[in-house]
């Protein structure tokens, strides 16, 4: 495991995460696809919000379980609480400092068919 730092575009939201990049997943659901989110799901003890708590806004829809947080200033979604694992934090691997996402073996997840896909072998678990 490695410790990474990352954040939003304007730099108001900064975080630290300890993880391996072998579980990074790309979901094809409408919101993940539009955001370009690359999922790195970690337990909360492996995530630390360094700055920007007051600069975060939250968007919820459908079941309301997922807490899609984004920077109020620049709009970047650096991390959120995922519906699939509401006891964890889902970091956007694209927001990690110094990480070239083209070098990561990204696993697909069929979020368009979430209800059936979550019952199968989920890449991040």
N, C-alpha and C. Protein backbone atom coordinates (compact mmCIF):
# COMPACT_ATOMS: atom_id res chain seq x y z
N UNK A 1 0.84 -1.18 0.00
CA UNK A 1 0.00 0.00 0.00
C UNK A 1 0.88 1.24 0.00
N UNK A 2 0.35 2.27 -0.65
CA UNK A 2 1.04 3.56 -0.70
C UNK A 2 0.10 4.65 -0.18
N UNK A 3 0.69 5.73 0.26
CA UNK A 3 -0.09 6.89 0.66
C UNK A 3 0.01 7.94 -0.44
N UNK A 4 -1.16 8.42 -0.85
CA UNK A 4 -1.26 9.42 -1.90
C UNK A 4 -1.94 10.65 -1.33
N UNK A 5 -1.65 11.79 -1.92
CA UNK A 5 -2.42 12.99 -1.64
C UNK A 5 -3.12 13.38 -2.92
N UNK A 6 -4.20 14.13 -2.76
CA UNK A 6 -4.94 14.56 -3.92
C UNK A 6 -5.91 15.65 -3.56
N UNK A 7 -6.70 16.05 -4.53
CA UNK A 7 -7.68 17.10 -4.26
C UNK A 7 -8.40 17.56 -5.50
N UNK A 8 -9.12 18.64 -5.32
CA UNK A 8 -9.91 19.21 -6.40
C UNK A 8 -9.04 20.11 -7.29
N UNK A 9 -9.62 20.70 -8.28
CA UNK A 9 -8.89 21.53 -9.24
C UNK A 9 -8.36 22.82 -8.63
N UNK A 10 -9.17 23.50 -7.82
CA UNK A 10 -8.76 24.78 -7.26
C UNK A 10 -7.87 24.64 -6.02
N UNK A 11 -7.81 23.43 -5.46
CA UNK A 11 -6.93 23.18 -4.32
C UNK A 11 -7.55 23.41 -2.95
N UNK A 12 -8.81 23.82 -2.90
CA UNK A 12 -9.45 24.04 -1.59
C UNK A 12 -9.69 22.72 -0.86
N UNK A 13 -10.08 21.69 -1.62
CA UNK A 13 -10.32 20.36 -1.03
C UNK A 13 -9.06 19.52 -1.23
N UNK A 14 -8.48 19.07 -0.14
CA UNK A 14 -7.27 18.24 -0.17
C UNK A 14 -7.49 17.04 0.73
N UNK A 15 -6.96 15.89 0.31
CA UNK A 15 -7.11 14.67 1.09
C UNK A 15 -5.86 13.81 0.99
N UNK A 16 -5.81 12.82 1.86
CA UNK A 16 -4.73 11.82 1.86
C UNK A 16 -5.42 10.46 1.91
N UNK A 17 -4.92 9.51 1.12
CA UNK A 17 -5.50 8.17 1.10
C UNK A 17 -4.37 7.14 1.03
N UNK A 18 -4.55 6.05 1.76
CA UNK A 18 -3.60 4.94 1.72
C UNK A 18 -4.29 3.76 1.06
N UNK A 19 -3.72 3.30 -0.06
CA UNK A 19 -4.39 2.25 -0.83
C UNK A 19 -3.45 1.67 -1.87
N UNK A 20 -3.89 0.56 -2.45
CA UNK A 20 -3.27 -0.01 -3.64
C UNK A 20 -4.13 0.43 -4.82
N UNK A 21 -3.53 0.59 -5.97
CA UNK A 21 -4.29 1.01 -7.14
C UNK A 21 -4.77 -0.16 -7.98
N UNK A 22 -4.67 -1.38 -7.45
CA UNK A 22 -5.08 -2.56 -8.22
C UNK A 22 -6.59 -2.80 -8.21
N UNK A 23 -7.35 -2.02 -7.43
CA UNK A 23 -8.79 -2.19 -7.39
C UNK A 23 -9.56 -1.05 -8.03
N UNK A 24 -8.88 -0.22 -8.81
CA UNK A 24 -9.54 0.93 -9.43
C UNK A 24 -10.55 0.43 -10.47
N UNK A 25 -11.75 1.00 -10.39
CA UNK A 25 -12.87 0.54 -11.20
C UNK A 25 -13.49 1.70 -11.97
N UNK A 26 -13.95 1.41 -13.18
CA UNK A 26 -14.70 2.39 -13.97
C UNK A 26 -16.12 1.89 -14.12
N UNK A 27 -17.06 2.70 -13.69
CA UNK A 27 -18.48 2.36 -13.75
C UNK A 27 -19.12 3.06 -14.94
N UNK A 28 -20.04 2.39 -15.61
CA UNK A 28 -20.68 2.96 -16.80
C UNK A 28 -22.06 3.55 -16.51
N UNK A 29 -22.40 3.76 -15.23
CA UNK A 29 -23.70 4.37 -14.93
C UNK A 29 -23.69 5.83 -15.38
N UNK A 30 -24.84 6.45 -15.41
CA UNK A 30 -24.95 7.80 -15.97
C UNK A 30 -24.11 8.82 -15.21
N UNK A 31 -24.12 8.83 -13.90
CA UNK A 31 -23.39 9.87 -13.17
C UNK A 31 -21.88 9.64 -13.22
N UNK A 32 -21.44 8.40 -13.06
CA UNK A 32 -19.99 8.11 -13.10
C UNK A 32 -19.43 8.37 -14.49
N UNK A 33 -20.19 7.99 -15.50
CA UNK A 33 -19.76 8.20 -16.88
C UNK A 33 -19.62 9.69 -17.18
N UNK A 34 -20.60 10.48 -16.77
CA UNK A 34 -20.56 11.92 -17.04
C UNK A 34 -19.45 12.62 -16.25
N UNK A 35 -19.18 12.13 -15.02
CA UNK A 35 -18.12 12.74 -14.20
C UNK A 35 -16.73 12.24 -14.58
N UNK A 36 -16.65 11.07 -15.21
CA UNK A 36 -15.35 10.48 -15.51
C UNK A 36 -14.68 9.94 -14.25
N UNK A 37 -15.48 9.50 -13.29
CA UNK A 37 -14.98 9.04 -12.00
C UNK A 37 -14.30 7.68 -12.13
N UNK A 38 -13.11 7.55 -11.56
CA UNK A 38 -12.42 6.27 -11.46
C UNK A 38 -12.37 5.91 -9.99
N UNK A 39 -13.06 4.84 -9.62
CA UNK A 39 -13.32 4.48 -8.23
C UNK A 39 -12.15 3.77 -7.54
N UNK A 40 -11.80 4.29 -6.39
CA UNK A 40 -10.82 3.68 -5.49
C UNK A 40 -11.48 3.68 -4.12
N UNK A 41 -12.11 2.56 -3.76
CA UNK A 41 -12.91 2.48 -2.54
C UNK A 41 -12.05 1.98 -1.39
N UNK A 42 -12.06 2.76 -0.28
CA UNK A 42 -11.23 2.45 0.88
C UNK A 42 -12.04 2.59 2.17
N UNK A 43 -11.61 1.88 3.23
CA UNK A 43 -12.23 2.09 4.54
C UNK A 43 -11.92 3.51 5.03
N UNK A 44 -12.78 4.08 5.86
CA UNK A 44 -12.57 5.47 6.30
C UNK A 44 -11.25 5.70 7.03
N UNK A 45 -10.72 4.68 7.68
CA UNK A 45 -9.44 4.86 8.39
C UNK A 45 -8.26 5.01 7.43
N UNK A 46 -8.47 4.74 6.13
CA UNK A 46 -7.42 4.92 5.14
C UNK A 46 -7.57 6.24 4.38
N UNK A 47 -8.52 7.07 4.83
CA UNK A 47 -8.79 8.34 4.18
C UNK A 47 -8.76 9.46 5.21
N UNK A 48 -8.15 10.57 4.82
CA UNK A 48 -8.12 11.74 5.70
C UNK A 48 -8.39 12.99 4.86
N UNK A 49 -9.40 13.73 5.25
CA UNK A 49 -9.66 15.02 4.61
C UNK A 49 -8.72 16.03 5.27
N UNK A 50 -7.81 16.58 4.50
CA UNK A 50 -6.80 17.50 5.03
C UNK A 50 -7.37 18.92 5.12
N UNK A 51 -8.09 19.33 4.09
CA UNK A 51 -8.67 20.67 4.08
C UNK A 51 -9.88 20.71 3.16
N UNK A 52 -10.73 21.71 3.39
CA UNK A 52 -11.85 21.94 2.49
C UNK A 52 -13.20 21.45 2.94
N UNK A 53 -13.34 21.02 4.18
CA UNK A 53 -14.64 20.53 4.66
C UNK A 53 -15.76 21.53 4.37
N UNK A 54 -15.51 22.80 4.63
CA UNK A 54 -16.53 23.83 4.42
C UNK A 54 -16.72 24.19 2.95
N UNK A 55 -15.83 23.72 2.09
CA UNK A 55 -15.94 23.99 0.66
C UNK A 55 -16.65 22.88 -0.10
N UNK A 56 -17.15 21.87 0.62
CA UNK A 56 -17.82 20.74 -0.02
C UNK A 56 -19.34 20.93 -0.04
N UNK A 57 -19.95 20.52 -1.14
CA UNK A 57 -21.40 20.43 -1.26
C UNK A 57 -21.72 18.96 -1.54
N UNK A 58 -22.94 18.55 -1.26
CA UNK A 58 -23.33 17.15 -1.45
C UNK A 58 -24.55 17.06 -2.35
N UNK A 59 -24.48 16.12 -3.30
CA UNK A 59 -25.58 15.84 -4.20
C UNK A 59 -26.04 14.40 -3.94
N UNK A 60 -27.35 14.21 -3.77
CA UNK A 60 -27.92 12.88 -3.58
C UNK A 60 -29.10 12.71 -4.54
N UNK A 61 -29.32 11.46 -4.97
CA UNK A 61 -30.46 11.17 -5.84
C UNK A 61 -30.87 9.72 -5.65
N UNK A 62 -31.90 9.29 -6.31
CA UNK A 62 -32.40 7.92 -6.30
C UNK A 62 -32.61 7.43 -4.87
N UNK A 63 -31.81 6.49 -4.37
CA UNK A 63 -32.00 5.95 -3.02
C UNK A 63 -31.51 6.91 -1.95
N UNK A 64 -30.70 7.89 -2.30
CA UNK A 64 -30.16 8.84 -1.33
C UNK A 64 -29.01 8.29 -0.50
N UNK A 65 -28.61 7.06 -0.78
CA UNK A 65 -27.53 6.42 -0.01
C UNK A 65 -26.18 7.03 -0.33
N UNK A 66 -25.89 7.20 -1.61
CA UNK A 66 -24.61 7.78 -2.03
C UNK A 66 -24.61 9.26 -1.70
N UNK A 67 -23.48 9.73 -1.21
CA UNK A 67 -23.29 11.15 -0.90
C UNK A 67 -22.21 11.67 -1.85
N UNK A 68 -22.63 12.22 -2.98
CA UNK A 68 -21.72 12.71 -4.01
C UNK A 68 -21.23 14.10 -3.61
N UNK A 69 -20.03 14.18 -3.05
CA UNK A 69 -19.48 15.45 -2.59
C UNK A 69 -18.62 16.07 -3.68
N UNK A 70 -18.68 17.39 -3.75
CA UNK A 70 -17.88 18.11 -4.74
C UNK A 70 -17.51 19.48 -4.20
N UNK A 71 -16.45 20.04 -4.74
CA UNK A 71 -15.99 21.36 -4.32
C UNK A 71 -16.97 22.43 -4.83
N UNK A 72 -17.44 23.29 -3.93
CA UNK A 72 -18.36 24.36 -4.30
C UNK A 72 -17.72 25.38 -5.24
N UNK A 73 -16.40 25.50 -5.19
CA UNK A 73 -15.71 26.51 -6.00
C UNK A 73 -15.47 26.02 -7.44
N UNK A 74 -14.83 24.83 -7.58
CA UNK A 74 -14.45 24.37 -8.92
C UNK A 74 -15.33 23.23 -9.45
N UNK A 75 -16.14 22.63 -8.59
CA UNK A 75 -17.07 21.59 -9.04
C UNK A 75 -16.50 20.19 -9.16
N UNK A 76 -15.24 19.99 -8.79
CA UNK A 76 -14.62 18.67 -8.95
C UNK A 76 -15.07 17.71 -7.84
N UNK A 77 -15.39 16.49 -8.27
CA UNK A 77 -15.80 15.40 -7.37
C UNK A 77 -14.57 14.56 -7.04
N UNK A 78 -13.89 14.89 -5.95
CA UNK A 78 -12.66 14.19 -5.57
C UNK A 78 -12.92 12.88 -4.85
N UNK A 79 -14.03 12.82 -4.11
CA UNK A 79 -14.38 11.61 -3.35
C UNK A 79 -15.85 11.68 -2.97
N UNK A 80 -16.40 10.54 -2.55
CA UNK A 80 -17.79 10.50 -2.08
C UNK A 80 -18.03 9.23 -1.29
N UNK A 81 -19.22 9.13 -0.70
CA UNK A 81 -19.65 7.92 0.00
C UNK A 81 -20.48 7.13 -1.00
N UNK A 82 -20.02 5.92 -1.38
CA UNK A 82 -20.72 5.17 -2.44
C UNK A 82 -21.93 4.39 -1.95
N UNK A 83 -22.90 4.25 -2.81
CA UNK A 83 -24.09 3.44 -2.53
C UNK A 83 -23.70 1.98 -2.27
N UNK A 84 -22.74 1.48 -3.02
CA UNK A 84 -22.35 0.07 -2.90
C UNK A 84 -21.74 -0.25 -1.54
N UNK A 85 -21.04 0.71 -0.96
CA UNK A 85 -20.33 0.52 0.30
C UNK A 85 -20.43 1.80 1.13
N UNK A 86 -21.61 2.09 1.71
CA UNK A 86 -21.80 3.36 2.40
C UNK A 86 -20.97 3.53 3.67
N UNK A 87 -20.27 2.48 4.06
CA UNK A 87 -19.37 2.56 5.21
C UNK A 87 -17.94 2.87 4.77
N UNK A 88 -17.75 3.19 3.49
CA UNK A 88 -16.41 3.45 2.95
C UNK A 88 -16.36 4.80 2.25
N UNK A 89 -15.20 5.16 1.78
CA UNK A 89 -14.99 6.38 1.00
C UNK A 89 -14.51 5.97 -0.39
N UNK A 90 -15.07 6.58 -1.40
CA UNK A 90 -14.73 6.29 -2.79
C UNK A 90 -13.97 7.50 -3.34
N UNK A 91 -12.69 7.31 -3.57
CA UNK A 91 -11.81 8.38 -4.06
C UNK A 91 -11.73 8.32 -5.58
N UNK A 92 -11.75 9.47 -6.21
CA UNK A 92 -11.57 9.54 -7.66
C UNK A 92 -10.08 9.45 -7.95
N UNK A 93 -9.62 8.34 -8.53
CA UNK A 93 -8.20 8.14 -8.82
C UNK A 93 -7.66 9.23 -9.74
N UNK A 94 -8.52 9.87 -10.52
CA UNK A 94 -8.08 10.97 -11.38
C UNK A 94 -7.65 12.19 -10.57
N UNK A 95 -8.02 12.24 -9.30
CA UNK A 95 -7.69 13.39 -8.44
C UNK A 95 -6.45 13.15 -7.58
N UNK A 96 -5.77 12.03 -7.77
CA UNK A 96 -4.55 11.74 -7.01
C UNK A 96 -3.37 12.46 -7.64
N UNK A 97 -2.58 13.13 -6.82
CA UNK A 97 -1.41 13.85 -7.30
C UNK A 97 -0.37 12.87 -7.85
N UNK A 98 0.16 13.17 -9.02
CA UNK A 98 1.27 12.41 -9.57
C UNK A 98 0.95 11.02 -10.07
N UNK A 99 -0.32 10.68 -10.21
CA UNK A 99 -0.71 9.36 -10.69
C UNK A 99 -1.17 9.48 -12.14
N UNK A 100 -0.52 8.71 -13.02
CA UNK A 100 -0.91 8.65 -14.42
C UNK A 100 -1.93 7.52 -14.56
N UNK A 101 -3.20 7.87 -14.68
CA UNK A 101 -4.24 6.84 -14.73
C UNK A 101 -4.11 5.93 -15.94
N UNK A 102 -3.37 6.33 -16.95
CA UNK A 102 -3.15 5.48 -18.12
C UNK A 102 -2.30 4.26 -17.77
N UNK A 103 -1.61 4.29 -16.62
CA UNK A 103 -0.77 3.17 -16.20
C UNK A 103 -1.50 2.22 -15.26
N UNK A 104 -2.75 2.52 -14.93
CA UNK A 104 -3.53 1.69 -14.00
C UNK A 104 -4.36 0.68 -14.78
N UNK A 105 -4.38 -0.57 -14.31
CA UNK A 105 -5.25 -1.59 -14.91
C UNK A 105 -6.65 -1.39 -14.32
N UNK A 106 -7.49 -0.70 -15.06
CA UNK A 106 -8.82 -0.34 -14.58
C UNK A 106 -9.81 -1.45 -14.90
N UNK A 107 -10.59 -1.82 -13.88
CA UNK A 107 -11.57 -2.89 -14.03
C UNK A 107 -12.95 -2.28 -14.31
N UNK A 108 -13.73 -2.89 -15.19
CA UNK A 108 -15.06 -2.36 -15.48
C UNK A 108 -16.11 -2.83 -14.47
N UNK A 109 -17.13 -1.98 -14.27
CA UNK A 109 -18.30 -2.35 -13.47
C UNK A 109 -19.52 -1.88 -14.24
N UNK A 110 -20.52 -2.76 -14.38
CA UNK A 110 -21.72 -2.46 -15.15
C UNK A 110 -22.76 -1.74 -14.31
N UNK A 111 -22.50 -0.47 -14.04
CA UNK A 111 -23.41 0.33 -13.23
C UNK A 111 -24.72 0.65 -13.92
N UNK A 112 -24.78 0.52 -15.24
CA UNK A 112 -26.05 0.71 -15.95
C UNK A 112 -27.06 -0.33 -15.47
N UNK A 113 -26.54 -1.49 -15.07
CA UNK A 113 -27.37 -2.59 -14.55
C UNK A 113 -26.96 -2.86 -13.10
N UNK A 114 -26.97 -1.79 -12.30
CA UNK A 114 -26.44 -1.81 -10.94
C UNK A 114 -27.01 -2.93 -10.09
N UNK A 115 -28.31 -3.08 -10.07
CA UNK A 115 -28.97 -4.07 -9.19
C UNK A 115 -28.46 -5.49 -9.43
N UNK A 116 -28.27 -5.88 -10.67
CA UNK A 116 -27.77 -7.22 -10.95
C UNK A 116 -26.24 -7.28 -10.82
N UNK A 117 -25.54 -6.23 -11.25
CA UNK A 117 -24.07 -6.23 -11.22
C UNK A 117 -23.52 -6.28 -9.80
N UNK A 118 -24.20 -5.64 -8.85
CA UNK A 118 -23.71 -5.59 -7.47
C UNK A 118 -23.84 -6.96 -6.80
N UNK A 119 -24.65 -7.84 -7.38
CA UNK A 119 -24.82 -9.20 -6.85
C UNK A 119 -23.74 -10.15 -7.34
N UNK A 120 -22.97 -9.72 -8.33
CA UNK A 120 -21.94 -10.57 -8.93
C UNK A 120 -20.59 -10.32 -8.27
N UNK A 121 -19.54 -10.78 -8.91
CA UNK A 121 -18.17 -10.56 -8.42
C UNK A 121 -17.79 -9.11 -8.68
N UNK A 122 -17.84 -8.31 -7.63
CA UNK A 122 -17.58 -6.87 -7.73
C UNK A 122 -16.06 -6.65 -7.66
N UNK A 123 -15.49 -5.93 -8.62
CA UNK A 123 -14.03 -5.81 -8.74
C UNK A 123 -13.31 -5.26 -7.51
N UNK A 124 -13.92 -4.36 -6.74
CA UNK A 124 -13.24 -3.73 -5.62
C UNK A 124 -13.38 -4.49 -4.31
N UNK A 125 -14.11 -5.58 -4.31
CA UNK A 125 -14.29 -6.33 -3.04
C UNK A 125 -13.40 -7.55 -3.00
